[in-house]
Amino acid sequence: MSARRSRVPKAGHDHAHCVSDALASAERVCEASGEKLTALRRRVLELVWESHRPVGAYALLDRLRGEIARRSARDLSPLAAVTAPREVEPMVDTLNGLLRDLRAAIEAQQRFTANAAHQLRTPLAGLQTQVELALRQTAPPEMQHTLRQLHGATIRLTHLANQLLALARAEPGGHRPDTRRTVDLRTLAQEAAGLWVPRAIAHDLDLGFDLEAAPLHGDPRLLRDLLDMLIENAIDYTPAGGHITVVTRADGGGCQLSVEDDGPGIPADQRDRVFQRFYRIPGAAGEGSGLGLAIAREIVNLHQGRIAIDDGPGERGTAVKVWLPSSAESGSRGEPAY
């Protein structure tokens, strides 16, 4: 009598069903031969079919591992339970609960930062106005000196509040997707010129623009924040008599933006660290808060772009180079070489 062969289960089938089907097939084979399956033989068969189990389980676990590995630190969305074997679904549910709680905590922190910065802006603006009025009054030199110090501190604090607001907008969950539209970096840079050229002149700096059309799909307000952060950073750290150039152009599937200066430059071993929040190079001139480049990186990441620091023209100064995809889909291709 020829024995009937049981079908080997495909990888990914439910473990209980695989073993159950195998045992049922074996029962039919044994009954046809007039024998009953003993407990020992049943256990042997279970172990044989258990040996087939890791193929499907490991494939699903590897798929789950891959999904986690491909995520950025900004992605706190739940893991898809369908990619996990049934045995680890409770673990996936627990991990999703942790991600949900972590996302809620981060969003609460962002709301606090944004609300605090927003609430500070009004009284700081009033304080600055009052100090400026006081500076116009006749007062002893000592009082004038104190008022000038107070005025400078008020301006720095107002600037910090504005940067905190920009940071809150740039962080995950801090902006609305419906704010994105087609925008040209050249147009944004032309608008920024009106704000920054007078300040550059006041610092005895030559601020120039080499602009070509650079259209992309993005958040206009955040991209303007990006331009402002990079230009302001160059103005703050370039000595009097220096030169700053803002460049925009289209580049294949994306756009390039660079802000170049001939200032003191950034040492190669510091070029990654300057993107950390509140980090300032030891001994660096200027009175920055260490947030500008950190905010710039958040905005670039939000647009799935790249940002890097290189030497400026003629291997002097600093060139902050940004590449942004023209659309969200092209951002995953990683076009820039830097």
Protein backbone atom coordinates (compact mmCIF):
# COMPACT_ATOMS: atom_id res chain seq x y z
CA MET A 1 0.00 0.00 0.00
CA SER A 2 1.43 3.41 -0.90
CA ALA A 3 1.56 5.99 1.88
CA ARG A 4 -0.02 9.41 1.31
CA ARG A 5 2.43 12.26 1.73
CA SER A 6 1.39 15.22 3.85
CA ARG A 7 1.96 18.71 2.42
CA VAL A 8 4.75 20.78 4.00
CA PRO A 9 3.30 24.07 5.29
CA LYS A 10 4.45 27.30 3.67
CA ALA A 11 6.58 29.71 5.68
CA GLY A 12 4.45 32.12 7.64
CA HIS A 13 1.48 29.76 8.27
CA ASP A 14 0.15 29.71 11.77
CA HIS A 15 2.15 27.28 13.90
CA ALA A 16 -0.85 25.61 15.54
CA HIS A 17 -2.55 25.01 12.20
CA CYS A 18 0.66 23.59 10.67
CA VAL A 19 1.13 21.03 13.43
CA SER A 20 -2.58 20.24 13.55
CA ASP A 21 -2.75 19.60 9.79
CA ALA A 22 0.37 17.46 9.92
CA LEU A 23 -0.97 15.38 12.79
CA ALA A 24 -4.31 14.92 11.06
CA SER A 25 -2.57 13.71 7.91
CA ALA A 26 -0.43 11.33 9.93
CA GLU A 27 -3.50 10.04 11.76
CA ARG A 28 -5.15 9.18 8.43
CA VAL A 29 -2.01 7.42 7.21
CA CYS A 30 -1.70 5.37 10.40
CA GLU A 31 -5.41 4.51 10.50
CA ALA A 32 -5.21 3.31 6.90
CA SER A 33 -2.44 0.93 7.92
CA GLY A 34 -4.50 -0.33 10.86
CA GLU A 35 -2.35 1.28 13.50
CA LYS A 36 -3.03 3.91 16.14
CA LEU A 37 -0.61 6.76 16.73
CA THR A 38 0.97 6.32 20.14
CA ALA A 39 1.87 9.21 22.39
CA LEU A 40 5.55 8.68 21.68
CA ARG A 41 5.05 8.73 17.92
CA ARG A 42 2.84 11.80 18.22
CA ARG A 43 5.60 13.61 20.10
CA VAL A 44 8.20 12.60 17.51
CA LEU A 45 5.97 13.94 14.75
CA GLU A 46 5.44 17.18 16.64
CA LEU A 47 9.20 17.64 16.93
CA VAL A 48 9.63 16.94 13.22
CA TRP A 49 7.08 19.59 12.31
CA GLU A 50 8.54 21.97 14.88
CA SER A 51 11.76 21.86 12.86
CA HIS A 52 9.88 23.46 9.96
CA ARG A 53 8.56 26.28 12.15
CA PRO A 54 11.62 28.58 12.38
CA VAL A 55 11.67 29.14 8.62
CA GLY A 56 8.39 31.06 8.64
CA ALA A 57 8.83 32.59 12.09
CA TYR A 58 12.30 33.90 11.39
CA ALA A 59 11.16 35.37 8.09
CA LEU A 60 8.39 37.31 9.82
CA LEU A 61 10.67 38.38 12.67
CA ASP A 62 13.27 39.50 10.15
CA ARG A 63 10.58 41.52 8.34
CA LEU A 64 9.64 43.15 11.65
CA ARG A 65 13.29 43.87 12.41
CA GLY A 66 13.69 45.43 8.98
CA GLU A 67 10.68 47.71 9.50
CA ILE A 68 12.15 48.98 12.78
CA ALA A 69 15.65 49.39 11.33
CA ARG A 70 14.38 51.45 8.38
CA ARG A 71 12.64 53.95 10.62
CA SER A 72 14.11 57.31 11.47
CA ALA A 73 14.24 58.55 15.03
CA ARG A 74 11.38 60.91 14.11
CA ASP A 75 8.93 58.12 13.21
CA LEU A 76 6.92 57.12 16.28
CA SER A 77 3.97 55.64 14.40
CA PRO A 78 2.74 52.18 15.52
CA LEU A 79 4.29 49.03 14.10
CA ALA A 80 2.05 47.01 11.80
CA ALA A 81 0.99 43.89 13.71
CA VAL A 82 0.46 41.95 10.48
CA THR A 83 4.23 41.75 10.00
CA ALA A 84 4.76 39.93 13.29
CA PRO A 85 4.24 36.24 14.14
CA ARG A 86 1.28 35.61 16.41
CA GLU A 87 3.60 34.62 19.26
CA VAL A 88 5.20 38.08 19.40
CA GLU A 89 2.04 40.14 18.82
CA PRO A 90 1.77 40.91 22.58
CA MET A 91 5.31 42.29 22.47
CA VAL A 92 4.44 44.41 19.41
CA ASP A 93 1.32 45.71 21.18
CA THR A 94 3.43 46.66 24.21
CA LEU A 95 6.01 48.39 22.00
CA ASN A 96 3.26 50.31 20.21
CA GLY A 97 1.93 51.43 23.57
CA LEU A 98 5.39 52.72 24.46
CA LEU A 99 5.67 54.56 21.13
CA ARG A 100 2.24 56.09 21.68
CA ASP A 101 3.16 57.32 25.17
CA LEU A 102 6.51 58.64 23.95
CA ARG A 103 4.84 60.51 21.09
CA ALA A 104 2.34 62.06 23.50
CA ALA A 105 5.16 63.14 25.85
CA ILE A 106 7.13 64.72 22.99
CA GLU A 107 4.06 66.51 21.66
CA ALA A 108 3.33 67.87 25.15
CA GLN A 109 6.90 69.15 25.39
CA GLN A 110 6.61 70.79 21.97
CA ARG A 111 3.35 72.48 22.92
CA PHE A 112 4.90 73.77 26.13
CA THR A 113 7.94 75.16 24.28
CA ALA A 114 5.80 76.81 21.61
CA ASN A 115 3.31 78.26 24.10
CA ALA A 116 6.02 79.53 26.45
CA ALA A 117 7.96 81.16 23.62
CA HIS A 118 4.79 82.70 22.19
CA GLN A 119 3.73 84.10 25.57
CA LEU A 120 7.20 85.58 26.11
CA ARG A 121 7.23 87.50 22.84
CA THR A 122 4.64 90.11 23.80
CA PRO A 123 6.15 91.20 27.15
CA LEU A 124 9.64 91.11 25.66
CA ALA A 125 8.54 93.37 22.80
CA GLY A 126 7.04 95.78 25.34
CA LEU A 127 10.20 95.72 27.45
CA GLN A 128 12.38 96.40 24.43
CA THR A 129 10.22 99.37 23.44
CA GLN A 130 10.41 100.85 26.92
CA VAL A 131 14.18 100.45 27.06
CA GLU A 132 14.58 102.10 23.65
CA LEU A 133 12.46 105.02 24.82
CA ALA A 134 14.58 105.32 27.96
CA LEU A 135 17.75 105.37 25.87
CA ARG A 136 16.45 108.47 24.07
CA GLN A 137 16.10 110.34 27.34
CA THR A 138 18.86 112.33 28.96
CA ALA A 139 20.50 110.21 31.64
CA PRO A 140 23.87 109.92 33.41
CA PRO A 141 26.51 107.86 31.52
CA GLU A 142 26.25 105.03 34.05
CA MET A 143 22.50 104.79 33.46
CA GLN A 144 22.98 104.89 29.69
CA HIS A 145 25.48 102.02 29.93
CA THR A 146 23.05 99.95 32.01
CA LEU A 147 20.20 100.64 29.61
CA ARG A 148 22.31 99.60 26.62
CA GLN A 149 23.17 96.34 28.35
CA LEU A 150 19.50 95.79 29.15
CA HIS A 151 18.58 96.55 25.55
CA GLY A 152 21.10 94.02 24.23
CA ALA A 153 19.90 91.35 26.65
CA THR A 154 16.28 91.97 25.66
CA ILE A 155 17.11 91.61 21.97
CA ARG A 156 18.96 88.33 22.60
CA LEU A 157 16.11 86.96 24.69
CA THR A 158 13.56 87.92 22.03
CA HIS A 159 15.71 86.21 19.42
CA LEU A 160 15.90 83.07 21.56
CA ALA A 161 12.10 83.03 21.94
CA ASN A 162 11.73 83.30 18.15
CA GLN A 163 14.21 80.47 17.65
CA LEU A 164 12.33 78.26 20.11
CA LEU A 165 9.15 78.90 18.14
CA ALA A 166 10.92 78.00 14.92
CA LEU A 167 12.26 74.83 16.53
CA ALA A 168 8.79 73.84 17.72
CA ARG A 169 7.48 74.30 14.17
CA ALA A 170 10.30 72.22 12.67
CA GLU A 171 10.08 69.26 15.03
CA PRO A 172 7.94 66.18 14.21
CA GLY A 173 4.30 66.97 14.88
CA GLY A 174 4.99 70.70 15.02
CA HIS A 175 3.61 71.52 11.59
CA ARG A 176 0.55 70.66 9.50
CA PRO A 177 1.07 68.69 6.28
CA ASP A 178 -1.51 70.86 4.49
CA THR A 179 0.85 73.85 4.72
CA ARG A 180 3.07 72.41 2.01
CA ARG A 181 2.87 73.73 -1.53
CA THR A 182 5.08 74.45 -4.52
CA VAL A 183 7.58 77.16 -3.62
CA ASP A 184 10.75 78.54 -5.21
CA LEU A 185 13.85 78.93 -3.05
CA ARG A 186 14.95 81.79 -5.28
CA THR A 187 11.79 83.74 -4.39
CA LEU A 188 12.26 83.08 -0.68
CA ALA A 189 15.89 84.21 -0.87
CA GLN A 190 14.86 87.42 -2.66
CA GLU A 191 12.38 88.10 0.13
CA ALA A 192 15.04 87.41 2.76
CA ALA A 193 17.38 89.93 1.13
CA GLY A 194 15.18 92.79 2.26
CA LEU A 195 15.68 91.76 5.89
CA TRP A 196 19.33 90.74 5.92
CA VAL A 197 21.08 93.14 3.52
CA PRO A 198 20.65 96.15 5.88
CA ARG A 199 21.96 94.10 8.79
CA ALA A 200 24.93 92.91 6.74
CA ILE A 201 25.73 96.52 5.78
CA ALA A 202 25.56 97.51 9.45
CA HIS A 203 28.19 94.82 10.15
CA ASP A 204 30.36 95.97 7.21
CA LEU A 205 29.70 92.74 5.32
CA ASP A 206 29.12 92.15 1.61
CA LEU A 207 26.00 89.97 1.33
CA GLY A 208 25.42 88.78 -2.24
CA PHE A 209 22.94 86.49 -3.95
CA ASP A 210 23.57 84.08 -6.83
CA LEU A 211 20.05 82.86 -7.46
CA GLU A 212 18.54 80.49 -10.01
CA ALA A 213 15.08 79.00 -10.02
CA ALA A 214 14.82 76.16 -7.47
CA PRO A 215 11.19 74.97 -7.20
CA LEU A 216 10.19 72.30 -4.70
CA HIS A 217 7.22 71.07 -2.68
CA GLY A 218 7.60 72.23 0.91
CA ASP A 219 6.48 74.39 3.79
CA PRO A 220 7.18 78.05 2.82
CA ARG A 221 7.39 79.27 6.40
CA LEU A 222 9.85 76.59 7.46
CA LEU A 223 11.96 77.06 4.35
CA ARG A 224 12.10 80.79 5.04
CA ASP A 225 13.16 79.94 8.62
CA LEU A 226 15.91 77.78 7.11
CA LEU A 227 17.20 80.65 4.98
CA ASP A 228 17.05 83.08 7.89
CA MET A 229 18.94 80.73 10.20
CA LEU A 230 21.75 80.14 7.71
CA ILE A 231 22.14 83.79 6.69
CA GLU A 232 22.00 85.04 10.27
CA ASN A 233 24.57 82.45 11.33
CA ALA A 234 26.94 83.63 8.59
CA ILE A 235 26.48 87.29 9.54
CA ASP A 236 27.09 86.60 13.23
CA TYR A 237 30.37 84.77 12.69
CA THR A 238 31.92 86.55 9.69
CA PRO A 239 34.29 89.40 10.65
CA ALA A 240 33.79 92.91 9.32
CA GLY A 241 34.92 93.29 5.72
CA GLY A 242 33.94 89.71 4.89
CA HIS A 243 31.80 88.32 2.11
CA ILE A 244 28.68 86.11 2.25
CA THR A 245 26.99 84.55 -0.77
CA VAL A 246 23.59 82.83 -0.92
CA VAL A 247 23.22 80.36 -3.80
CA THR A 248 20.10 78.56 -5.07
CA ARG A 249 19.73 76.31 -8.10
CA ALA A 250 17.88 73.26 -9.34
CA ASP A 251 19.78 69.97 -9.24
CA GLY A 252 18.25 66.98 -10.98
CA GLY A 253 15.48 65.70 -8.75
CA GLY A 254 15.97 68.41 -6.16
CA CYS A 255 17.29 71.85 -5.27
CA GLN A 256 20.54 73.16 -3.85
CA LEU A 257 20.86 75.93 -1.31
CA SER A 258 24.19 77.06 0.03
CA VAL A 259 25.34 79.94 2.20
CA GLU A 260 29.06 80.59 1.85
CA ASP A 261 31.32 82.97 3.74
CA ASP A 262 35.03 83.74 4.05
CA GLY A 263 35.03 83.92 7.83
CA PRO A 264 37.08 81.85 10.29
CA GLY A 265 35.46 78.57 9.23
CA ILE A 266 34.47 75.55 11.30
CA PRO A 267 37.09 72.91 12.18
CA ALA A 268 36.47 69.53 10.55
CA ASP A 269 36.12 67.78 13.93
CA GLN A 270 33.38 70.23 14.96
CA ARG A 271 31.21 70.08 11.85
CA ASP A 272 28.92 67.40 13.16
CA ARG A 273 28.69 68.78 16.69
CA VAL A 274 27.54 72.25 15.63
CA PHE A 275 24.22 70.71 14.62
CA GLN A 276 23.56 69.78 18.26
CA ARG A 277 21.19 72.02 20.16
CA PHE A 278 22.82 74.78 22.21
CA TYR A 279 26.32 73.69 21.18
CA ARG A 280 28.83 76.44 20.49
CA ILE A 281 32.42 75.96 19.42
CA PRO A 282 34.68 76.79 22.40
CA GLY A 283 36.20 80.24 22.01
CA ALA A 284 33.95 81.17 19.08
CA ALA A 285 33.09 84.82 18.63
CA GLY A 286 29.51 86.06 18.53
CA GLU A 287 26.65 85.75 20.95
CA GLY A 288 24.57 83.02 19.33
CA SER A 289 22.52 80.56 21.35
CA GLY A 290 23.71 77.47 19.48
CA LEU A 291 20.25 76.76 18.05
CA GLY A 292 20.45 78.09 14.50
CA LEU A 293 22.10 75.11 12.79
CA ALA A 294 20.12 72.66 14.93
CA ILE A 295 16.89 74.22 13.68
CA ALA A 296 18.21 74.20 10.12
CA ARG A 297 18.87 70.47 10.33
CA GLU A 298 15.38 69.80 11.72
CA ILE A 299 13.82 71.68 8.80
CA VAL A 300 15.99 69.85 6.26
CA ASN A 301 15.17 66.48 7.82
CA LEU A 302 11.48 67.32 7.76
CA HIS A 303 11.78 67.84 4.00
CA GLN A 304 13.79 64.60 3.60
CA GLY A 305 16.86 66.53 2.51
CA ARG A 306 20.56 66.66 3.39
CA ILE A 307 22.68 69.31 5.08
CA ALA A 308 26.45 69.39 5.46
CA ILE A 309 29.26 71.82 6.23
CA ASP A 310 32.26 72.24 3.93
CA ASP A 311 35.04 74.73 3.37
CA GLY A 312 34.06 78.02 1.80
CA PRO A 313 35.29 79.34 -1.57
CA GLY A 314 39.05 78.98 -1.96
CA GLU A 315 39.10 76.64 1.06
CA ARG A 316 38.41 79.61 3.30
CA GLY A 317 35.50 80.17 5.63
CA THR A 318 32.39 78.01 5.73
CA ALA A 319 29.90 76.69 3.20
CA VAL A 320 26.66 75.27 4.57
CA LYS A 321 25.24 73.13 1.77
CA VAL A 322 21.65 71.95 1.65
CA TRP A 323 19.99 69.62 -0.82
CA LEU A 324 16.20 69.30 -0.81
CA PRO A 325 14.10 66.96 -2.95
CA SER A 326 11.70 68.60 -5.35
CA SER A 327 9.03 66.27 -3.97
CA ALA A 328 8.68 63.99 -0.94
CA GLU A 329 8.98 60.90 -3.15
CA SER A 330 12.40 61.86 -4.50
CA GLY A 331 13.77 62.45 -1.03
CA SER A 332 14.51 58.79 -0.49
CA ARG A 333 16.88 58.61 -3.45
CA GLY A 334 19.61 60.59 -1.72
CA GLU A 335 20.80 62.67 -4.69
CA PRO A 336 23.53 64.86 -3.12
CA ALA A 337 27.10 63.67 -2.77
CA TYR A 338 27.64 65.49 0.51
